[in-house]
Protein backbone atom coordinates (compact mmCIF):
# COMPACT_ATOMS: atom_id res chain seq x y z
CA MET A 1 236.84 19.97 38.22
CA LYS A 2 235.98 15.91 38.97
CA LEU A 3 234.52 14.42 35.01
CA GLU A 4 231.97 12.35 35.42
CA ARG A 5 230.28 9.77 33.42
CA ILE A 6 226.23 8.12 34.16
CA TYR A 7 225.40 4.60 32.90
CA ARG A 8 221.80 4.75 33.07
CA ASN A 9 218.80 3.60 31.91
CA GLY A 10 220.86 2.69 28.87
CA PHE A 11 221.96 6.75 28.73
CA ILE A 12 225.26 7.95 28.89
CA ALA A 13 226.05 10.62 30.70
CA ASP A 14 229.55 12.99 30.99
CA SER A 15 230.09 16.21 33.35
CA HIS A 16 231.41 18.76 31.41
CA LYS A 17 232.02 23.03 32.34
CA ALA A 18 230.19 25.13 29.27
CA ARG A 19 232.48 27.42 27.33
CA LYS A 20 229.93 29.20 26.27
CA ALA A 21 226.34 29.72 27.14
CA ILE A 22 223.59 27.00 26.29
CA VAL A 23 219.74 25.49 26.86
CA CYS A 24 219.21 23.30 28.83
CA ILE A 25 216.72 20.56 27.30
CA HIS A 26 215.02 19.33 30.31
CA CYS A 27 213.56 22.61 32.74
CA HIS A 28 214.22 25.21 29.22
CA GLY A 29 216.13 27.16 31.12
CA VAL A 30 220.29 28.19 30.77
CA ILE A 31 224.03 26.47 31.22
CA ARG A 32 225.53 30.27 31.81
CA GLN A 33 229.33 30.22 30.70
CA GLY A 34 231.62 27.26 33.34
CA GLU A 35 228.34 26.14 34.41
CA GLU A 36 228.31 22.38 35.10
CA TYR A 37 226.27 20.98 33.26
CA TYR A 38 225.95 16.66 31.55
CA ARG A 39 225.97 15.71 27.76
CA VAL A 40 223.64 12.33 26.88
CA ILE A 41 223.77 10.81 25.05
CA VAL A 42 221.68 7.31 23.57
CA SER A 43 223.69 4.17 24.21
CA GLY A 44 224.92 2.08 21.52
CA SER A 45 223.32 5.69 19.20
CA GLY A 46 226.75 5.95 17.20
CA LEU A 47 227.88 9.07 15.92
CA LEU A 48 224.95 11.08 15.29
CA GLY A 49 224.54 10.98 19.25
CA MET A 50 227.70 11.62 19.85
CA LYS A 51 227.73 15.17 17.14
CA PHE A 52 224.01 15.93 19.19
CA PRO A 53 224.22 15.18 22.44
CA ASP A 54 221.30 16.51 24.62
CA ARG A 55 222.75 18.84 27.99
CA VAL A 56 221.25 19.03 30.96
CA HIS A 57 222.23 21.00 33.44
CA ALA A 58 223.64 18.83 36.67
CA LYS A 59 221.17 19.66 38.95
CA CYS A 60 218.16 18.08 36.56
CA ILE A 61 220.14 15.18 34.93
CA ASP A 62 218.64 12.60 38.05
CA GLU A 63 215.40 14.21 36.62
CA TRP A 64 215.87 13.84 32.83
CA LEU A 65 217.42 10.45 32.92
CA GLU A 66 214.35 8.74 34.78
CA LYS A 67 212.06 10.95 32.06
CA TYR A 68 212.72 9.51 29.11
CA ARG A 69 213.62 5.50 31.08
CA GLU A 70 210.46 4.80 30.49
CA SER A 71 210.66 5.93 26.26
CA PHE A 72 214.10 3.89 26.33
CA GLU A 73 212.75 0.43 26.74
CA TYR A 74 209.69 0.89 24.74
CA ILE A 75 211.58 1.89 21.47
CA PHE A 76 214.40 -0.64 22.21
CA GLY A 77 213.00 -3.23 24.72
CA SER A 78 213.39 -3.85 28.51
CA SER A 79 213.10 -7.78 30.66
CA GLU A 80 211.80 -5.32 32.77
CA ILE A 81 208.09 -3.81 30.99
CA LYS A 82 205.60 -6.36 30.96
CA TYR A 83 202.59 -6.50 27.60
CA GLU A 84 199.27 -7.84 28.36
CA ASN A 85 196.91 -7.52 25.00
CA GLY A 86 199.38 -5.60 23.25
CA GLU A 87 200.00 -2.17 25.29
CA MET A 88 203.20 -1.86 28.18
CA VAL A 89 201.85 -1.85 31.52
CA LYS A 90 204.04 -0.33 34.16
CA GLN A 91 205.32 -3.07 36.89
């Protein structure tokens, strides 16, 4: 298996093979032993993010990264976000 690292929307996702059964944070399905999954951390989260990463099925990773993009941008800011009257407006 080739390890892959994805940098997107302020997240870093590293691919791994499960050593034991774990739960996907996105679909709540079981990631079985030996199955490929991604450990996802917020970029710049430091040791806490490394110690407690989100675990996501390889098939769920694109949906998960897109789902949490808006909340990440809202919390940490982005040049792509516009505000009108104190409210975030989608572009």
